[in-house]
């Protein structure tokens, strides 16, 4: 049985007093005359968190206009100025991390170690892009139409204003981790805070202001997606953002992509996943089981790259299953504001319903619960045990539909190639994991899996934490990449600047067109013989 810890008597951290909440709330962009607010519910105890001002559709339009005006000045600042602000933010974030970790836990319910991982990611992103992002945007010289006579550079220019729609499950990393490269690339930003976790984003906006970020270059709006989200993408004929960055469900991502297409703006979309972990015949089953547990139950399974399907070679299936069940049952489940808990709460009643529904329907159809399987209202209103299922079949929703909770299903594969085929089942293609003592073979097999990231002898963190490499999905898991070069370049437009040194291209005055064409053909053949281009 999973070890349990009693939930805290009060979910609200003692230091979060009303005056501090009011200070963060001032960063919500809205008409000062408005009095509308929204209040989320804390997962730990089901009690209200704090009232936060709500933006209107008109406020969003005004925020975009404000950011656009500020962007022209921001883009003219030297790179060193923009990078210096981000590095100061890095230092402040590391210094004051306990504050935002408390907020993340209070608003979202995850364990403290899972919350700290957001600090690790955002600080690393800030440091990387501030130190190395400039080389992603450096001018690139290319050959011109007439070698020697035409000088050509490809340059990167900011898109203008970027709209960010981020989810509740990583309210710091998935929001601010995308904002930083957009700002460094010279853009203005308007972010929609998720209604469940607005305080985390507002705290971070205040911290960036303390680091020196101008007020109008990054605005935060708060409100339901049907109002604020739609306004952020814009409507046909109205001035809107120049790029939309969305992280969330595949269903909503499709809608965002359609709206962006109507506006002829680019969209980067990180969407859902049903991520597989493959255990090959030669794998170290103890290490694979430990890695599986870490990747499946981190963040209470509410993570787009977490493992939901575990595909094991028949030769090691029984040994792996036993090791996995033992590792799962050793997890500590509960709610505390310290590091004594491995698995925290789900974030909302909707998430709890999704998890319990998938487990119940699978069991009713013949699946077996090997570990967990129950909601735990005795520990908190949204608690659910880490769960391992066996005997899941294709007709069960838990098989290929995203659960987004602490539930994994075990499947047996006859051969390693059979395991890879099973890993590629379904519509998603976000992240995957392969475990083998032969890393060369595993790396070769990785390229046969349809996934934006494949981890060898790691569950999920190795690829996600390697922020110089892109992270994103294939298939129904999305478009575009965060991290790496593309994680910054997507917020810019490629512009070609071509300078003709002597005369315009075309026949000189007095030369017959036929003569010019003949000379051009002779040049083509000469360049062919010289192997130029």
Protein backbone atom coordinates (compact mmCIF):
# COMPACT_ATOMS: atom_id res chain seq x y z
CA UNK A 1 0.00 0.00 0.00
CA UNK A 2 1.20 3.49 -0.81
CA UNK A 3 2.61 5.37 2.19
CA UNK A 4 0.42 8.33 3.13
CA UNK A 5 0.95 11.66 4.80
CA UNK A 6 -1.80 13.69 6.42
CA UNK A 7 -2.77 16.85 4.55
CA UNK A 8 -1.84 20.20 6.10
CA UNK A 9 -4.43 21.97 8.22
CA UNK A 10 -4.32 25.06 5.99
CA UNK A 11 -3.35 25.24 2.32
CA UNK A 12 -2.64 28.97 2.17
CA UNK A 13 1.00 29.76 3.02
CA UNK A 14 1.29 32.02 6.08
CA UNK A 15 3.31 34.71 4.29
CA UNK A 16 0.71 35.15 1.52
CA UNK A 17 -1.17 38.04 3.06
CA UNK A 18 -3.83 40.13 1.34
CA UNK A 19 -1.49 43.08 0.83
CA UNK A 20 0.92 40.94 -1.17
CA UNK A 21 -1.89 39.51 -3.29
CA UNK A 22 -3.08 43.05 -4.01
CA UNK A 23 0.44 43.98 -5.09
CA UNK A 24 0.66 41.13 -7.58
CA UNK A 25 -2.88 41.81 -8.81
CA UNK A 26 -1.81 45.26 -9.98
CA UNK A 27 -0.03 43.52 -12.84
CA UNK A 28 -3.34 42.37 -14.36
CA UNK A 29 -4.01 44.57 -17.40
CA UNK A 30 -7.58 45.84 -17.19
CA UNK A 31 -9.71 48.96 -17.09
CA UNK A 32 -9.15 50.54 -13.64
CA UNK A 33 -12.88 51.19 -13.40
CA UNK A 34 -13.70 47.47 -13.59
CA UNK A 35 -14.42 45.58 -10.39
CA UNK A 36 -14.82 42.07 -11.84
CA UNK A 37 -12.76 39.33 -10.20
CA UNK A 38 -12.35 35.57 -10.33
CA UNK A 39 -11.31 33.18 -7.59
CA UNK A 40 -9.80 29.73 -8.03
CA UNK A 41 -10.11 26.82 -5.62
CA UNK A 42 -7.06 25.39 -3.86
CA UNK A 43 -6.65 21.67 -4.62
CA UNK A 44 -5.34 20.90 -1.12
CA UNK A 45 -8.48 21.82 0.79
CA UNK A 46 -11.12 22.84 -1.76
CA UNK A 47 -11.20 26.38 -0.34
CA UNK A 48 -10.98 29.61 -2.39
CA UNK A 49 -7.50 30.96 -3.02
CA UNK A 50 -7.69 34.70 -3.70
CA UNK A 51 -9.81 37.05 -5.81
CA UNK A 52 -7.89 38.28 -8.87
CA UNK A 53 -8.99 41.06 -11.25
CA UNK A 54 -10.45 39.89 -14.55
CA UNK A 55 -9.69 41.40 -17.96
CA UNK A 56 -12.26 42.00 -20.68
CA UNK A 57 -11.89 41.46 -24.42
CA UNK A 58 -11.38 45.20 -24.78
CA UNK A 59 -8.62 45.09 -22.17
CA UNK A 60 -6.83 42.46 -24.25
CA UNK A 61 -7.00 44.65 -27.34
CA UNK A 62 -5.60 47.57 -25.35
CA UNK A 63 -2.86 45.38 -23.88
CA UNK A 64 -1.76 44.33 -27.37
CA UNK A 65 -1.69 47.96 -28.51
CA UNK A 66 0.34 48.96 -25.46
CA UNK A 67 2.83 46.14 -25.96
CA UNK A 68 3.15 47.00 -29.66
CA UNK A 69 4.01 50.61 -28.89
CA UNK A 70 6.57 49.54 -26.26
CA UNK A 71 8.06 46.90 -28.57
CA UNK A 72 9.50 49.46 -30.97
CA UNK A 73 11.59 50.96 -28.17
CA UNK A 74 12.45 47.58 -26.63
CA UNK A 75 13.78 46.15 -29.91
CA UNK A 76 16.20 49.08 -30.28
CA UNK A 77 17.87 48.35 -26.94
CA UNK A 78 21.27 46.62 -27.11
CA UNK A 79 21.22 42.87 -26.63
CA UNK A 80 23.30 43.30 -23.48
CA UNK A 81 20.55 45.41 -21.91
CA UNK A 82 17.81 42.87 -22.55
CA UNK A 83 20.05 39.97 -21.50
CA UNK A 84 21.09 41.78 -18.33
CA UNK A 85 17.46 42.05 -17.23
CA UNK A 86 16.92 38.34 -17.80
CA UNK A 87 20.07 37.42 -15.86
CA UNK A 88 19.00 39.60 -12.94
CA UNK A 89 15.65 37.83 -13.03
CA UNK A 90 17.52 34.51 -12.94
CA UNK A 91 19.30 35.52 -9.75
CA UNK A 92 16.16 36.85 -8.07
CA UNK A 93 14.23 33.70 -8.98
CA UNK A 94 16.84 31.42 -7.43
CA UNK A 95 17.08 33.64 -4.35
CA UNK A 96 13.32 33.82 -3.72
CA UNK A 97 12.27 30.46 -5.08
CA UNK A 98 10.52 29.36 -1.87
CA UNK A 99 7.88 32.03 -2.40
CA UNK A 100 6.86 30.91 -5.86
CA UNK A 101 7.18 27.23 -4.95
CA UNK A 102 4.63 27.88 -2.18
CA UNK A 103 2.33 29.59 -4.68
CA UNK A 104 2.64 26.76 -7.19
CA UNK A 105 1.76 24.21 -4.53
CA UNK A 106 -1.12 26.26 -3.21
CA UNK A 107 -2.66 26.96 -6.60
CA UNK A 108 -1.91 23.66 -8.34
CA UNK A 109 -1.40 21.04 -5.62
CA UNK A 110 1.77 19.32 -6.80
CA UNK A 111 4.52 18.01 -4.52
CA UNK A 112 7.27 20.43 -3.54
CA UNK A 113 9.98 18.63 -5.52
CA UNK A 114 7.83 18.78 -8.65
CA UNK A 115 7.35 22.49 -8.01
CA UNK A 116 11.09 23.02 -7.56
CA UNK A 117 11.68 21.43 -10.96
CA UNK A 118 9.96 24.47 -12.47
CA UNK A 119 12.61 26.69 -10.86
CA UNK A 120 15.32 24.50 -12.34
CA UNK A 121 13.86 24.73 -15.84
CA UNK A 122 13.11 28.47 -15.87
CA UNK A 123 16.46 29.45 -14.37
CA UNK A 124 18.27 27.29 -16.93
CA UNK A 125 16.24 28.76 -19.79
CA UNK A 126 16.92 32.31 -18.58
CA UNK A 127 20.63 31.70 -18.32
CA UNK A 128 20.91 29.89 -21.64
CA UNK A 129 19.05 32.38 -23.79
CA UNK A 130 20.62 35.40 -22.10
CA UNK A 131 24.11 33.97 -22.63
CA UNK A 132 23.72 32.21 -25.97
CA UNK A 133 20.48 33.36 -27.59
CA UNK A 134 22.16 36.07 -29.62
CA UNK A 135 23.88 33.50 -31.84
CA UNK A 136 20.47 32.10 -32.79
CA UNK A 137 19.62 35.50 -34.27
CA UNK A 138 22.95 36.44 -35.86
CA UNK A 139 22.92 37.68 -39.47
CA UNK A 140 23.70 34.98 -42.03
CA UNK A 141 25.61 35.86 -45.23
CA UNK A 142 24.67 33.95 -48.40
CA UNK A 143 25.67 34.07 -52.07
CA UNK A 144 23.76 36.57 -54.14
CA UNK A 145 22.09 36.23 -57.53
CA UNK A 146 25.27 37.52 -59.24
CA UNK A 147 28.31 36.30 -57.28
CA UNK A 148 30.57 39.22 -56.55
CA UNK A 149 27.98 41.78 -57.60
CA UNK A 150 25.16 41.00 -55.17
CA UNK A 151 25.61 41.07 -51.39
CA UNK A 152 22.92 39.19 -49.45
CA UNK A 153 22.22 38.75 -45.74
CA UNK A 154 19.46 36.85 -44.02
CA UNK A 155 18.53 38.73 -40.85
CA UNK A 156 16.13 38.04 -38.01
CA UNK A 157 13.60 40.68 -37.01
CA UNK A 158 11.10 40.48 -34.14
CA UNK A 159 7.58 39.46 -35.05
CA UNK A 160 6.15 42.29 -32.97
CA UNK A 161 3.71 41.16 -30.26
CA UNK A 162 3.51 37.52 -29.16
CA UNK A 163 0.41 36.10 -27.51
CA UNK A 164 0.98 33.41 -24.87
CA UNK A 165 -1.68 31.00 -23.63
CA UNK A 166 -0.20 28.73 -20.96
CA UNK A 167 -1.75 25.93 -18.86
CA UNK A 168 -2.16 25.32 -15.15
CA UNK A 169 0.03 22.24 -14.78
CA UNK A 170 3.35 24.14 -15.03
CA UNK A 171 2.32 27.72 -14.22
CA UNK A 172 5.91 28.97 -14.04
CA UNK A 173 7.85 26.88 -16.56
CA UNK A 174 5.31 26.69 -19.39
CA UNK A 175 4.42 30.37 -19.07
CA UNK A 176 7.66 32.19 -18.33
CA UNK A 177 9.90 29.70 -20.11
CA UNK A 178 8.30 30.76 -23.39
CA UNK A 179 8.12 34.46 -22.55
CA UNK A 180 11.86 34.89 -21.94
CA UNK A 181 13.10 33.99 -25.46
CA UNK A 182 10.29 36.06 -27.00
CA UNK A 183 11.35 39.11 -25.00
CA UNK A 184 15.04 38.58 -25.70
CA UNK A 185 14.27 38.37 -29.43
CA UNK A 186 12.86 41.91 -29.21
CA UNK A 187 9.12 41.24 -29.00
CA UNK A 188 6.37 42.54 -26.82
CA UNK A 189 4.30 39.87 -25.06
CA UNK A 190 0.73 39.55 -23.81
CA UNK A 191 0.16 36.45 -21.63
CA UNK A 192 -3.13 34.89 -20.65
CA UNK A 193 -2.76 33.52 -17.13
CA UNK A 194 -4.59 30.27 -16.52
CA UNK A 195 -7.59 30.84 -14.25
CA UNK A 196 -6.44 28.11 -11.83
CA UNK A 197 -2.92 29.53 -11.30
CA UNK A 198 -2.87 33.31 -11.95
CA UNK A 199 -0.93 34.26 -8.81
CA UNK A 200 2.16 32.33 -9.87
CA UNK A 201 2.38 34.24 -13.14
CA UNK A 202 1.62 37.60 -11.52
CA UNK A 203 4.32 37.01 -8.88
CA UNK A 204 6.76 36.30 -11.70
CA UNK A 205 5.74 39.43 -13.61
CA UNK A 206 6.43 41.50 -10.52
CA UNK A 207 9.84 39.84 -10.13
CA UNK A 208 10.79 40.64 -13.72
CA UNK A 209 9.80 44.23 -13.13
CA UNK A 210 12.14 44.27 -10.16
CA UNK A 211 14.84 42.92 -12.48
CA UNK A 212 14.30 45.94 -14.74
CA UNK A 213 11.74 44.83 -17.34
CA UNK A 214 9.64 47.81 -18.55
CA UNK A 215 5.99 47.69 -17.56
CA UNK A 216 4.41 47.82 -21.01
CA UNK A 217 6.58 45.26 -22.82
CA UNK A 218 4.92 42.30 -21.07
CA UNK A 219 1.27 42.41 -20.03
CA UNK A 220 -0.73 39.73 -18.20
CA UNK A 221 -4.45 39.32 -18.77
CA UNK A 222 -6.75 37.12 -16.69
CA UNK A 223 -10.09 35.60 -17.58
CA UNK A 224 -11.84 32.68 -19.26
CA UNK A 225 -10.45 31.37 -22.52
CA UNK A 226 -13.74 31.99 -24.30
CA UNK A 227 -13.29 35.72 -23.66
CA UNK A 228 -9.64 36.52 -23.05
CA UNK A 229 -8.16 33.70 -25.13
CA UNK A 230 -10.30 34.49 -28.16
CA UNK A 231 -9.48 38.17 -27.89
CA UNK A 232 -5.77 37.40 -27.61
CA UNK A 233 -5.75 35.46 -30.86
CA UNK A 234 -7.82 38.21 -32.42
CA UNK A 235 -10.73 38.30 -34.83
CA UNK A 236 -10.65 38.90 -38.57
CA UNK A 237 -10.25 42.60 -39.30
CA UNK A 238 -9.01 43.57 -35.84
CA UNK A 239 -5.36 44.25 -34.96
CA UNK A 240 -4.02 41.34 -32.98
CA UNK A 241 -0.85 39.54 -32.05
CA UNK A 242 1.75 38.47 -34.61
CA UNK A 243 2.37 34.98 -33.20
CA UNK A 244 0.43 32.79 -30.81
CA UNK A 245 2.13 30.30 -28.49
CA UNK A 246 -0.30 27.80 -26.98
CA UNK A 247 0.24 24.88 -24.63
CA UNK A 248 -2.73 22.71 -23.74
CA UNK A 249 -5.10 20.07 -25.02
CA UNK A 250 -5.17 18.85 -28.60
CA UNK A 251 -8.83 19.78 -28.98
CA UNK A 252 -8.23 23.39 -27.94
CA UNK A 253 -5.00 23.49 -29.95
CA UNK A 254 -6.89 22.65 -33.12
CA UNK A 255 -9.20 25.59 -32.49
CA UNK A 256 -6.27 27.91 -31.79
CA UNK A 257 -4.56 26.74 -34.99
CA UNK A 258 -7.69 27.40 -37.05
CA UNK A 259 -8.07 30.89 -35.61
CA UNK A 260 -4.41 31.66 -36.21
CA UNK A 261 -4.75 30.46 -39.79
CA UNK A 262 -7.68 32.80 -40.35
CA UNK A 263 -5.53 35.67 -39.10
CA UNK A 264 -2.51 34.49 -41.16
CA UNK A 265 -0.30 34.45 -38.09
CA UNK A 266 2.03 31.65 -37.03
CA UNK A 267 1.14 29.36 -34.13
CA UNK A 268 3.35 27.13 -32.04
CA UNK A 269 1.28 24.45 -30.33
CA UNK A 270 2.39 21.93 -27.73
CA UNK A 271 -0.54 19.62 -27.19
CA UNK A 272 -1.43 16.27 -25.67
CA UNK A 273 0.45 13.01 -25.42
CA UNK A 274 0.02 9.32 -24.60
CA UNK A 275 3.70 8.72 -24.12
CA UNK A 276 5.21 5.22 -24.26
CA UNK A 277 8.07 3.73 -22.29
CA UNK A 278 9.67 0.69 -23.93
CA UNK A 279 11.63 -1.89 -21.93
CA UNK A 280 13.82 -4.00 -24.24
CA UNK A 281 14.84 -7.61 -23.51
CA UNK A 282 18.30 -6.62 -22.25
CA UNK A 283 17.18 -3.76 -19.99
CA UNK A 284 18.13 -3.43 -16.32
CA UNK A 285 14.60 -3.89 -15.00
CA UNK A 286 15.24 -2.30 -11.60
CA UNK A 287 16.58 0.89 -13.16
CA UNK A 288 13.83 0.87 -15.78
CA UNK A 289 11.15 0.51 -13.11
CA UNK A 290 12.59 3.38 -11.07
CA UNK A 291 12.81 5.57 -14.17
CA UNK A 292 9.27 4.68 -15.15
CA UNK A 293 7.88 5.65 -11.74
CA UNK A 294 9.70 9.00 -11.85
CA UNK A 295 8.40 9.80 -15.34
CA UNK A 296 4.86 8.54 -14.78
CA UNK A 297 4.00 10.01 -11.39
CA UNK A 298 5.97 13.27 -11.29
CA UNK A 299 3.62 16.24 -11.07
CA UNK A 300 0.91 13.68 -10.15
CA UNK A 301 0.97 12.60 -13.79
CA UNK A 302 -0.25 16.00 -14.95
CA UNK A 303 2.52 16.62 -17.43
CA UNK A 304 2.34 16.49 -21.19
CA UNK A 305 5.49 14.34 -21.46
CA UNK A 306 4.73 11.92 -18.62
CA UNK A 307 4.60 8.19 -19.27
CA UNK A 308 1.17 6.57 -19.62
CA UNK A 309 1.91 3.40 -21.66
CA UNK A 310 4.60 0.90 -20.60
CA UNK A 311 5.54 -1.71 -23.21
CA UNK A 312 7.77 -4.53 -21.96
CA UNK A 313 9.53 -7.38 -23.78
CA UNK A 314 8.05 -10.70 -22.78
CA UNK A 315 11.40 -12.04 -21.55
CA UNK A 316 11.58 -9.45 -18.76
CA UNK A 317 7.88 -8.65 -18.31
CA UNK A 318 7.31 -10.44 -15.01
CA UNK A 319 10.49 -9.14 -13.39
CA UNK A 320 9.80 -5.59 -14.54
CA UNK A 321 6.16 -5.73 -13.42
CA UNK A 322 7.15 -6.81 -9.93
CA UNK A 323 9.82 -4.11 -9.67
CA UNK A 324 7.41 -1.45 -10.96
CA UNK A 325 4.68 -2.36 -8.50
CA UNK A 326 7.14 -2.33 -5.60
CA UNK A 327 8.52 1.08 -6.64
CA UNK A 328 5.00 2.49 -7.05
CA UNK A 329 3.85 1.25 -3.65
CA UNK A 330 6.92 2.80 -2.02
CA UNK A 331 5.86 6.31 -3.08
CA UNK A 332 4.71 8.78 -0.45
CA UNK A 333 1.32 10.32 -1.22
CA UNK A 334 0.07 13.44 0.52
CA UNK A 335 0.09 17.21 0.85
CA UNK A 336 2.81 19.17 2.58
CA UNK A 337 4.80 22.35 2.01
CA UNK A 338 8.08 20.46 2.40
CA UNK A 339 9.95 17.75 0.51
CA UNK A 340 8.57 14.72 2.40
CA UNK A 341 5.94 13.87 -0.23
CA UNK A 342 6.58 12.22 -3.62
CA UNK A 343 3.11 12.59 -5.16
CA UNK A 344 0.75 15.46 -4.48
CA UNK A 345 -2.81 16.34 -5.40
CA UNK A 346 -4.57 16.56 -8.73
CA UNK A 347 -5.37 20.13 -9.69
CA UNK A 348 -9.13 20.13 -10.24
CA UNK A 349 -12.30 18.05 -9.96
CA UNK A 350 -12.19 17.63 -13.75
CA UNK A 351 -8.79 15.96 -13.53
CA UNK A 352 -9.94 13.68 -10.72
CA UNK A 353 -13.00 12.72 -12.75
CA UNK A 354 -10.86 11.93 -15.81
CA UNK A 355 -8.57 9.70 -13.76
CA UNK A 356 -11.28 7.83 -11.86
CA UNK A 357 -13.30 7.37 -15.04
CA UNK A 358 -10.40 5.82 -16.96
CA UNK A 359 -9.54 3.48 -14.10
CA UNK A 360 -13.13 2.46 -13.39
CA UNK A 361 -14.01 1.80 -17.04
CA UNK A 362 -10.85 -0.27 -17.51
CA UNK A 363 -11.52 -2.38 -14.44
CA UNK A 364 -15.16 -2.88 -15.46
CA UNK A 365 -13.96 -4.13 -18.87
CA UNK A 366 -11.53 -6.64 -17.35
CA UNK A 367 -8.30 -4.79 -16.54
CA UNK A 368 -6.49 -5.56 -13.29
CA UNK A 369 -5.22 -3.01 -10.77
CA UNK A 370 -1.69 -3.95 -9.71
CA UNK A 371 -1.11 -0.89 -7.52
CA UNK A 372 -3.20 2.04 -6.33
CA UNK A 373 -6.47 2.45 -8.17
CA UNK A 374 -8.36 4.59 -5.67
CA UNK A 375 -9.17 8.19 -4.98
CA UNK A 376 -8.08 9.23 -1.47
CA UNK A 377 -10.52 11.81 -0.08
CA UNK A 378 -9.11 11.09 3.38
CA UNK A 379 -5.93 12.90 2.29
CA UNK A 380 -7.54 15.70 0.31
CA UNK A 381 -10.48 16.36 -1.99
CA UNK A 382 -8.51 15.73 -5.19
CA UNK A 383 -6.06 13.01 -4.16
CA UNK A 384 -5.66 9.80 -6.16
CA UNK A 385 -3.23 6.96 -5.65
CA UNK A 386 -0.49 6.27 -8.24
CA UNK A 387 -2.01 3.46 -10.25
CA UNK A 388 -0.64 0.59 -12.36
CA UNK A 389 -3.02 -1.34 -14.63
CA UNK A 390 -2.56 -4.65 -16.43
CA UNK A 391 -4.74 -6.29 -19.07
CA UNK A 392 -5.74 -3.03 -20.77
CA UNK A 393 -7.17 -3.55 -24.26
CA UNK A 394 -7.69 -1.26 -27.24
CA UNK A 395 -11.42 -0.79 -26.54
CA UNK A 396 -10.71 0.83 -23.16
CA UNK A 397 -10.42 4.65 -23.13
CA UNK A 398 -7.30 4.44 -20.93
CA UNK A 399 -5.47 2.60 -23.72
CA UNK A 400 -4.87 5.45 -26.19
CA UNK A 401 -6.78 8.45 -24.79
CA UNK A 402 -4.73 10.86 -22.69
CA UNK A 403 -5.46 10.41 -18.97
CA UNK A 404 -3.25 13.22 -17.65
CA UNK A 405 -3.04 11.77 -14.19
CA UNK A 406 -1.14 9.18 -12.10
CA UNK A 407 -2.15 6.13 -14.15
CA UNK A 408 -0.01 3.81 -16.30
CA UNK A 409 -0.89 0.66 -18.20
CA UNK A 410 1.38 -2.33 -18.82
CA UNK A 411 1.58 -4.12 -22.18
CA UNK A 412 3.61 -7.17 -23.20
CA UNK A 413 5.60 -7.23 -26.46
CA UNK A 414 6.81 -10.39 -28.21
CA UNK A 415 9.95 -8.76 -29.64
CA UNK A 416 11.78 -5.46 -29.49
CA UNK A 417 10.37 -4.50 -32.90
CA UNK A 418 6.88 -5.41 -31.71
CA UNK A 419 7.44 -3.05 -28.77
CA UNK A 420 8.36 -0.21 -31.15
CA UNK A 421 5.23 -0.86 -33.22
CA UNK A 422 3.10 -0.73 -30.11
CA UNK A 423 4.82 2.50 -29.05
CA UNK A 424 3.70 4.10 -32.32
CA UNK A 425 0.03 3.23 -31.85
CA UNK A 426 -2.39 6.13 -31.51
CA UNK A 427 -2.48 9.71 -32.78
CA UNK A 428 0.03 11.32 -30.42
CA UNK A 429 3.78 11.75 -30.77
CA UNK A 430 5.20 13.94 -28.03
CA UNK A 431 7.73 12.01 -25.93
CA UNK A 432 8.95 8.44 -25.54
CA UNK A 433 11.44 6.39 -23.56
CA UNK A 434 13.56 3.31 -24.36
CA UNK A 435 15.48 1.25 -21.80
CA UNK A 436 18.35 -1.03 -22.83
CA UNK A 437 21.90 -1.89 -21.83
CA UNK A 438 22.85 -1.52 -25.51
CA UNK A 439 22.52 2.24 -25.98
CA UNK A 440 23.58 2.06 -29.63
CA UNK A 441 20.69 -0.23 -30.48
CA UNK A 442 18.31 1.88 -28.39
CA UNK A 443 19.39 5.08 -30.15
CA UNK A 444 18.82 3.44 -33.54
CA UNK A 445 15.37 2.23 -32.49
CA UNK A 446 14.57 5.70 -31.15
CA UNK A 447 14.51 7.05 -34.69
CA UNK A 448 11.73 4.59 -35.52
CA UNK A 449 9.44 6.02 -32.83
CA UNK A 450 7.11 8.82 -33.89
CA UNK A 451 7.83 11.31 -31.12
CA UNK A 452 9.41 14.72 -30.89
CA UNK A 453 11.69 13.55 -28.07
CA UNK A 454 12.99 10.09 -27.24
CA UNK A 455 14.85 9.42 -23.99
CA UNK A 456 17.26 6.49 -23.75
CA UNK A 457 17.58 5.07 -20.23
CA UNK A 458 15.60 7.99 -18.85
CA UNK A 459 11.87 8.50 -18.58
CA UNK A 460 11.32 12.07 -19.73
CA UNK A 461 13.61 14.57 -18.01
CA UNK A 462 16.78 14.08 -20.07
CA UNK A 463 15.33 15.48 -23.29
CA UNK A 464 13.13 18.10 -21.64
CA UNK A 465 16.03 19.36 -19.55
CA UNK A 466 18.39 19.61 -22.52
CA UNK A 467 17.21 23.07 -23.42
CA UNK A 468 19.68 23.57 -26.27
CA UNK A 469 17.64 20.93 -28.14
CA UNK A 470 14.12 21.51 -29.39
CA UNK A 471 11.09 20.10 -27.57
CA UNK A 472 7.74 19.55 -29.26
CA UNK A 473 5.44 17.02 -30.82
CA UNK A 474 4.54 15.10 -33.95
CA UNK A 475 1.06 14.08 -35.05
CA UNK A 476 -1.68 15.26 -32.70
CA UNK A 477 0.93 16.43 -30.18
CA UNK A 478 1.43 19.76 -31.88
CA UNK A 479 3.44 22.06 -34.12
CA UNK A 480 6.75 23.80 -33.57
CA UNK A 481 9.34 23.54 -30.82
CA UNK A 482 10.26 25.27 -27.59
CA UNK A 483 13.88 25.33 -26.37
CA UNK A 484 16.97 25.51 -28.58
CA UNK A 485 17.33 27.63 -31.69
CA UNK A 486 13.72 27.20 -32.83
CA UNK A 487 12.48 28.15 -29.38
CA UNK A 488 13.77 31.66 -30.07
CA UNK A 489 13.69 31.93 -33.86
CA UNK A 490 9.98 31.15 -33.98
CA UNK A 491 9.42 34.59 -32.46
CA UNK A 492 11.21 36.27 -35.37
CA UNK A 493 10.75 36.67 -39.10
CA UNK A 494 13.50 35.81 -41.54
CA UNK A 495 14.20 38.82 -43.73
CA UNK A 496 16.47 38.87 -46.79
CA UNK A 497 18.47 42.05 -47.40
CA UNK A 498 20.06 42.06 -50.88
CA UNK A 499 22.36 44.86 -52.05
CA UNK A 500 23.32 45.17 -55.72
CA UNK A 501 26.86 46.58 -55.89
CA UNK A 502 27.03 47.94 -59.46
CA UNK A 503 24.02 47.94 -61.75
CA UNK A 504 20.50 46.50 -61.46
CA UNK A 505 20.05 42.98 -62.73
CA UNK A 506 19.04 42.96 -66.37
CA UNK A 507 20.44 44.00 -69.79
CA UNK A 508 22.64 47.12 -69.70
CA UNK A 509 21.45 50.03 -71.77
CA UNK A 510 22.01 49.36 -75.46
CA UNK A 511 22.42 45.57 -75.14
CA UNK A 512 19.92 43.38 -76.96
CA UNK A 513 17.97 41.05 -74.74
CA UNK A 514 19.07 38.07 -76.84
CA UNK A 515 22.71 38.98 -76.18
CA UNK A 516 22.08 39.29 -72.45
CA UNK A 517 20.32 35.91 -72.36
CA UNK A 518 23.24 34.33 -74.21
CA UNK A 519 25.72 35.72 -71.69
CA UNK A 520 23.52 34.49 -68.89
CA UNK A 521 23.43 30.98 -70.29
CA UNK A 522 27.21 31.01 -70.68
CA UNK A 523 27.53 32.05 -67.03
CA UNK A 524 25.25 29.18 -65.96
CA UNK A 525 27.42 26.63 -67.71
CA UNK A 526 30.63 28.17 -66.35
CA UNK A 527 29.31 28.04 -62.79
CA UNK A 528 28.23 24.43 -63.39
CA UNK A 529 31.76 23.47 -64.48
CA UNK A 530 33.25 25.32 -61.53
CA UNK A 531 30.79 23.49 -59.23
CA UNK A 532 29.48 26.75 -57.84
CA UNK A 533 26.07 26.30 -56.21
